[in-house]
Amino acid sequence: VTVFEIHRSNRESNRAMQADGSKSNLRQLDNTPGTPEAYLEAGKNGQHSKGNEEVLSKTPSQEGATWSAYLERFFLVNERGSCLQTEVRSGFINWMTMSYILVVNPVILGSADPASHISAETIMTATAVSAAVGSFVVGLFGNAPLGLMPGMGLNAYFSFGICRAFNVTFGQAMSCCFVSGAALLLLAVLGVCQWIVTTVLSEHLKKAITVAIGVFQALIGFQVMGLVVASPNTLVTLGDVTWSNKQLYLALAGFCLISAMLVSRLHGALLVGIFLMSALAWVTGLAAAPEGIFSLPSYDALFLIDFSGWDPGSGKLHAMVP
């Protein structure tokens, strides 16, 4: 293929030079080692010039080596039945699907320890950084097209099941996350996690755990919107459902809107619903509008971790172990 390409290029050059009557250039071109005749003659004699070897050694894949080709070889995109354009679009859709966690996670974790005065900007920065690092690691080292973000069930357990229930500070609860993360990493390297998932946990139990976390999270959402409130007799009772509770009906409208978009399989339904309901709350005065659109990341809570709760004399060790 390379020889015929060169031959076609030489023929076009011959025509161009014949047009301007440059006979000397034609004679020079006919004697160049780049013509097909020169390649065939050199092959018979077993001799090749250095320039000819460089041209013949080049393959179309090497000549067309680009950044996209490097990505294809690294991630084996075509071998897996996809293409780079599809992967880029899927990446944006994946981000739109899970980016609502950037908004919801600070709200839930911000209520864990009111005395710590951790801003929502700080928690949002930590959420974004952890999601970026996790996604890069699983993509580059695991070669898996997955997007990772903090779990929406465990953040509720962190705030209400540890901090509020056992009077644990935010930093002490973060030490619990650090220890559990290190233990999980060790168990994953040793293969214990894979053994538990494939042998101990049945499919029914896996689905039951997922549903239970979802119900727990929904209960917290109902409490935040005011649909249910605490009761000393029944633990949970119906809240203020009168028309004067405008926040409740705005939240219910958002819930119905997001549910309809999810049923319609609209990409980014959660994010779109959050944006629309937020804008409506700002317009109606039910919530204060943000002071700006862009802001720099906040690292005020960087390395905020406190291991004092692991001291047996602190009285909080029972909260750290679970």
Protein backbone atom coordinates (compact mmCIF):
# COMPACT_ATOMS: atom_id res chain seq x y z
CA VAL A 1 0.00 0.00 0.00
CA THR A 2 2.87 2.36 0.78
CA VAL A 3 4.51 1.77 -2.62
CA PHE A 4 1.31 2.49 -4.55
CA GLU A 5 0.68 5.61 -2.46
CA ILE A 6 4.15 6.88 -3.35
CA HIS A 7 3.61 5.96 -6.99
CA ARG A 8 0.36 7.92 -7.08
CA SER A 9 2.06 10.89 -5.41
CA ASN A 10 4.88 10.77 -7.94
CA ARG A 11 2.46 10.66 -10.85
CA GLU A 12 0.67 13.72 -9.54
CA SER A 13 4.02 15.49 -9.16
CA ASN A 14 4.95 14.51 -12.73
CA ARG A 15 1.75 16.04 -14.04
CA ALA A 16 2.30 19.23 -12.10
CA MET A 17 5.85 19.59 -13.37
CA GLN A 18 4.85 18.76 -16.95
CA ALA A 19 2.43 21.62 -16.77
CA ASP A 20 5.20 24.12 -16.08
CA GLY A 21 7.68 22.43 -18.51
CA SER A 22 10.33 21.67 -15.90
CA LYS A 23 12.19 18.80 -17.67
CA SER A 24 15.11 18.90 -15.30
CA ASN A 25 12.83 18.26 -12.39
CA LEU A 26 11.23 15.36 -14.24
CA ARG A 27 14.59 13.72 -14.84
CA GLN A 28 15.53 14.24 -11.20
CA LEU A 29 12.24 12.71 -10.04
CA ASP A 30 12.65 9.67 -12.30
CA ASN A 31 16.04 8.96 -10.76
CA THR A 32 14.95 9.32 -7.14
CA PRO A 33 14.92 6.17 -4.99
CA GLY A 34 11.35 6.89 -3.98
CA THR A 35 9.77 5.50 -7.16
CA PRO A 36 8.27 2.01 -7.27
CA GLU A 37 10.89 0.95 -9.84
CA ALA A 38 13.67 1.98 -7.47
CA TYR A 39 12.11 -0.02 -4.63
CA LEU A 40 11.79 -3.12 -6.83
CA GLU A 41 15.33 -2.81 -8.11
CA ALA A 42 16.70 -2.34 -4.61
CA GLY A 43 14.76 -5.38 -3.47
CA LYS A 44 16.32 -7.53 -6.20
CA ASN A 45 19.80 -6.45 -5.24
CA GLY A 46 19.10 -6.80 -1.52
CA GLN A 47 20.15 -3.22 -0.92
CA HIS A 48 18.11 -0.40 0.56
CA SER A 49 19.08 3.11 1.36
CA LYS A 50 18.51 4.47 4.81
CA GLY A 51 15.73 6.72 3.57
CA ASN A 52 13.97 3.85 1.83
CA GLU A 53 14.14 1.69 4.97
CA GLU A 54 12.55 4.45 7.02
CA VAL A 55 9.69 4.86 4.54
CA LEU A 56 9.09 1.13 4.14
CA SER A 57 9.23 0.50 7.88
CA LYS A 58 6.40 2.93 8.54
CA THR A 59 2.94 1.44 8.85
CA PRO A 60 -0.36 3.34 8.56
CA SER A 61 -1.01 2.84 12.29
CA GLN A 62 2.36 4.35 13.20
CA GLU A 63 1.92 7.28 10.84
CA GLY A 64 -1.54 7.97 12.22
CA ALA A 65 -0.59 7.61 15.86
CA THR A 66 -2.51 10.32 17.68
CA TRP A 67 -3.77 10.98 21.15
CA SER A 68 -7.04 9.19 20.36
CA ALA A 69 -5.10 6.17 19.12
CA TYR A 70 -3.12 6.11 22.35
CA LEU A 71 -6.33 6.19 24.38
CA GLU A 72 -7.73 3.38 22.27
CA ARG A 73 -4.67 1.18 22.86
CA PHE A 74 -4.59 1.94 26.58
CA PHE A 75 -8.28 1.40 27.37
CA LEU A 76 -9.08 -1.09 24.56
CA VAL A 77 -12.22 0.85 23.67
CA ASN A 78 -12.90 -0.71 20.25
CA GLU A 79 -12.11 -4.18 21.54
CA ARG A 80 -14.91 -3.75 24.06
CA GLY A 81 -17.40 -2.78 21.37
CA SER A 82 -17.39 0.98 21.93
CA CYS A 83 -15.69 4.11 20.59
CA LEU A 84 -14.17 7.24 22.09
CA GLN A 85 -17.14 9.42 21.09
CA THR A 86 -19.54 7.08 22.87
CA GLU A 87 -17.33 6.98 25.96
CA VAL A 88 -17.14 10.79 26.14
CA ARG A 89 -20.92 11.14 25.85
CA SER A 90 -21.43 8.40 28.43
CA GLY A 91 -19.02 10.18 30.75
CA PHE A 92 -21.06 13.38 30.61
CA ILE A 93 -24.29 11.47 31.19
CA ASN A 94 -22.72 9.62 34.11
CA TRP A 95 -21.59 12.91 35.62
CA MET A 96 -25.07 14.43 35.24
CA THR A 97 -26.60 11.36 36.87
CA MET A 98 -24.46 11.43 40.01
CA SER A 99 -23.57 15.14 40.28
CA TYR A 100 -26.64 15.79 42.44
CA ILE A 101 -24.59 14.26 45.28
CA LEU A 102 -22.46 17.42 45.22
CA VAL A 103 -25.55 19.32 46.37
CA VAL A 104 -27.19 16.79 48.69
CA ASN A 105 -24.11 15.43 50.45
CA PRO A 106 -23.15 18.78 52.08
CA VAL A 107 -26.71 19.17 53.36
CA ILE A 108 -26.68 15.78 55.10
CA LEU A 109 -23.11 15.89 56.42
CA GLY A 110 -23.49 19.53 57.45
CA SER A 111 -26.14 18.51 59.97
CA ALA A 112 -23.95 15.85 61.58
CA ASP A 113 -22.26 18.10 64.13
CA PRO A 114 -23.64 21.65 64.33
CA ALA A 115 -20.96 22.56 66.87
CA SER A 116 -18.16 21.94 64.37
CA HIS A 117 -19.33 24.78 62.08
CA ILE A 118 -18.11 23.06 58.92
CA SER A 119 -19.27 25.01 55.88
CA ALA A 120 -21.14 23.45 52.98
CA GLU A 121 -18.41 24.68 50.61
CA THR A 122 -15.81 22.61 52.46
CA ILE A 123 -17.90 19.44 52.32
CA MET A 124 -18.67 20.07 48.64
CA THR A 125 -14.96 20.42 47.89
CA ALA A 126 -14.18 17.18 49.72
CA THR A 127 -16.98 15.43 47.84
CA ALA A 128 -15.68 16.61 44.46
CA VAL A 129 -12.03 15.79 45.20
CA SER A 130 -12.81 12.30 46.54
CA ALA A 131 -15.01 11.57 43.51
CA ALA A 132 -12.29 12.74 41.10
CA VAL A 133 -9.54 10.71 42.78
CA GLY A 134 -11.69 7.58 43.01
CA SER A 135 -12.82 7.80 39.39
CA PHE A 136 -9.26 8.33 38.14
CA VAL A 137 -7.95 5.38 40.14
CA VAL A 138 -10.62 2.95 38.96
CA GLY A 139 -10.22 4.19 35.39
CA LEU A 140 -6.43 4.24 35.10
CA PHE A 141 -5.53 1.26 37.28
CA GLY A 142 -8.68 -0.84 36.98
CA ASN A 143 -9.51 0.08 33.36
CA ALA A 144 -13.19 0.17 34.29
CA PRO A 145 -15.61 2.83 32.92
CA LEU A 146 -17.07 3.66 36.32
CA GLY A 147 -17.72 6.92 38.14
CA LEU A 148 -17.28 6.87 41.91
CA MET A 149 -18.82 9.23 44.43
CA PRO A 150 -19.61 9.13 48.17
CA GLY A 151 -22.53 6.87 48.99
CA MET A 152 -25.81 8.57 49.81
CA GLY A 153 -26.78 5.94 52.35
CA LEU A 154 -23.61 5.96 54.40
CA ASN A 155 -23.56 9.75 54.72
CA ALA A 156 -26.92 9.59 56.46
CA TYR A 157 -25.63 6.86 58.77
CA PHE A 158 -22.55 9.01 59.43
CA SER A 159 -24.63 12.03 60.44
CA PHE A 160 -27.55 10.46 62.29
CA GLY A 161 -26.33 6.98 63.18
CA ILE A 162 -22.95 8.01 64.61
CA CYS A 163 -22.63 11.73 65.26
CA ARG A 164 -26.15 12.45 66.50
CA ALA A 165 -26.86 9.10 68.14
CA PHE A 166 -23.62 8.81 70.13
CA ASN A 167 -22.72 12.50 70.50
CA VAL A 168 -19.58 12.06 68.40
CA THR A 169 -17.82 15.08 66.87
CA PHE A 170 -17.27 15.39 63.15
CA GLY A 171 -13.52 14.78 63.46
CA GLN A 172 -14.00 11.70 65.63
CA ALA A 173 -16.47 10.26 63.15
CA MET A 174 -13.97 10.92 60.34
CA SER A 175 -11.42 8.80 62.21
CA CYS A 176 -13.97 5.99 62.14
CA CYS A 177 -14.21 6.40 58.35
CA PHE A 178 -10.42 6.34 58.07
CA VAL A 179 -10.06 3.12 60.05
CA SER A 180 -12.90 1.40 58.21
CA GLY A 181 -11.48 2.48 54.85
CA ALA A 182 -8.02 1.13 55.71
CA ALA A 183 -9.54 -2.16 56.90
CA LEU A 184 -11.65 -2.44 53.75
CA LEU A 185 -8.59 -1.82 51.56
CA LEU A 186 -6.67 -4.56 53.36
CA LEU A 187 -9.56 -7.03 53.06
CA ALA A 188 -9.96 -6.20 49.36
CA VAL A 189 -6.27 -6.83 48.68
CA LEU A 190 -6.43 -10.16 50.52
CA GLY A 191 -9.55 -11.18 48.58
CA VAL A 192 -11.77 -11.42 51.65
CA CYS A 193 -14.31 -8.91 50.27
CA GLN A 194 -14.72 -10.89 47.06
CA TRP A 195 -15.19 -14.09 49.05
CA ILE A 196 -17.86 -12.51 51.26
CA VAL A 197 -19.76 -11.04 48.31
CA THR A 198 -19.73 -14.23 46.25
CA THR A 199 -20.10 -16.81 49.03
CA VAL A 200 -21.71 -15.37 52.16
CA LEU A 201 -24.10 -12.75 50.77
CA SER A 202 -26.93 -14.06 48.65
CA GLU A 203 -28.56 -12.04 45.88
CA HIS A 204 -31.71 -11.57 47.99
CA LEU A 205 -29.68 -10.20 50.89
CA LYS A 206 -27.79 -7.80 48.63
CA LYS A 207 -31.05 -6.42 47.27
CA ALA A 208 -32.53 -6.20 50.76
CA ILE A 209 -29.56 -4.15 52.00
CA THR A 210 -29.93 -1.76 49.06
CA VAL A 211 -33.66 -1.33 49.70
CA ALA A 212 -33.15 -0.82 53.44
CA ILE A 213 -30.58 1.93 52.83
CA GLY A 214 -32.96 3.56 50.36
CA VAL A 215 -35.85 3.50 52.84
CA PHE A 216 -33.64 4.95 55.56
CA GLN A 217 -32.52 7.71 53.22
CA ALA A 218 -36.13 8.42 52.15
CA LEU A 219 -37.14 8.76 55.80
CA ILE A 220 -34.45 11.37 56.31
CA GLY A 221 -35.67 13.20 53.22
CA PHE A 222 -39.25 13.20 54.48
CA GLN A 223 -38.07 14.59 57.79
CA VAL A 224 -36.06 17.35 56.08
CA MET A 225 -39.03 18.44 53.95
CA GLY A 226 -41.34 18.33 56.98
CA LEU A 227 -43.59 15.49 55.87
CA VAL A 228 -42.84 13.50 59.04
CA VAL A 229 -41.71 14.63 62.48
CA ALA A 230 -40.53 12.91 65.63
CA SER A 231 -43.10 11.55 68.08
CA PRO A 232 -42.53 10.28 71.63
CA ASN A 233 -45.29 7.70 71.21
CA THR A 234 -44.83 6.31 67.70
CA LEU A 235 -41.31 7.62 66.99
CA VAL A 236 -42.54 9.07 63.68
CA THR A 237 -45.77 10.90 62.91
CA LEU A 238 -47.22 13.04 60.15
CA GLY A 239 -46.00 16.62 60.08
CA ASP A 240 -47.70 19.87 59.10
CA VAL A 241 -49.50 19.15 55.84
CA THR A 242 -51.51 22.37 55.67
CA TRP A 243 -51.14 24.70 52.69
CA SER A 244 -49.20 27.12 54.86
CA ASN A 245 -46.23 24.73 54.76
CA LYS A 246 -45.08 25.84 51.31
CA GLN A 247 -41.67 24.17 51.61
CA LEU A 248 -43.38 20.79 51.93
CA TYR A 249 -45.43 21.16 48.74
CA LEU A 250 -42.46 22.53 46.83
CA ALA A 251 -40.50 19.44 47.84
CA LEU A 252 -43.39 17.15 46.88
CA ALA A 253 -43.66 18.88 43.50
CA GLY A 254 -39.95 18.34 42.96
CA PHE A 255 -40.29 14.70 43.96
CA CYS A 256 -43.08 14.14 41.43
CA LEU A 257 -41.20 16.01 38.71
CA ILE A 258 -38.00 14.03 39.20
CA SER A 259 -39.96 10.76 39.32
CA ALA A 260 -41.65 11.60 36.01
CA MET A 261 -38.32 12.43 34.37
CA LEU A 262 -36.76 9.22 35.68
CA VAL A 263 -39.64 7.18 34.26
CA SER A 264 -39.14 8.99 30.94
CA ARG A 265 -35.45 8.01 31.10
CA LEU A 266 -34.27 11.60 30.89
CA HIS A 267 -30.53 11.80 31.43
CA GLY A 268 -29.64 13.94 34.41
CA ALA A 269 -33.19 13.90 35.77
CA LEU A 270 -32.07 14.39 39.38
CA LEU A 271 -29.82 17.31 38.49
CA VAL A 272 -32.47 18.97 36.33
CA GLY A 273 -35.09 18.59 39.05
CA ILE A 274 -32.78 20.07 41.68
CA PHE A 275 -31.99 23.07 39.47
CA LEU A 276 -35.64 23.73 38.64
CA MET A 277 -36.87 23.44 42.22
CA SER A 278 -33.98 25.56 43.49
CA ALA A 279 -34.77 28.30 40.99
CA LEU A 280 -38.44 28.18 41.96
CA ALA A 281 -37.55 28.44 45.65
CA TRP A 282 -35.34 31.47 44.96
CA VAL A 283 -38.01 33.20 42.90
CA THR A 284 -40.76 32.63 45.47
CA GLY A 285 -38.53 33.62 48.38
CA LEU A 286 -38.75 30.24 50.10
CA ALA A 287 -34.95 30.00 50.06
CA ALA A 288 -32.18 32.54 49.83
CA ALA A 289 -30.51 32.79 46.43
CA PRO A 290 -26.75 32.20 46.24
CA GLU A 291 -24.54 35.24 46.41
CA GLY A 292 -22.42 34.14 43.44
CA ILE A 293 -22.16 31.57 40.68
CA PHE A 294 -18.49 30.61 41.02
CA SER A 295 -16.27 30.28 44.07
CA LEU A 296 -12.89 28.82 44.88
CA PRO A 297 -12.65 25.43 46.62
CA SER A 298 -12.52 25.50 50.39
CA TYR A 299 -10.03 23.32 52.27
CA ASP A 300 -10.80 24.49 55.80
CA ALA A 301 -11.46 20.96 57.04
CA LEU A 302 -8.39 19.40 55.42
CA PHE A 303 -7.05 16.52 57.55
CA LEU A 304 -9.85 17.11 60.08
CA ILE A 305 -9.52 13.80 61.90
CA ASP A 306 -9.59 13.10 65.61
CA PHE A 307 -8.62 9.71 67.09
CA SER A 308 -9.50 10.67 70.66
CA GLY A 309 -12.74 8.70 70.43
CA TRP A 310 -10.74 5.44 70.26
CA ASP A 311 -9.43 6.01 73.79
CA PRO A 312 -11.17 3.48 76.09
CA GLY A 313 -11.54 6.22 78.70
CA SER A 314 -13.35 8.60 76.33
CA GLY A 315 -16.66 6.75 76.62
CA LYS A 316 -17.11 6.77 72.83
CA LEU A 317 -15.27 3.60 71.87
CA HIS A 318 -18.56 1.74 71.46
CA ALA A 319 -19.54 4.29 68.81
CA MET A 320 -16.25 3.92 66.93
CA VAL A 321 -16.25 0.12 66.64
CA PRO A 322 -19.55 -0.36 64.73
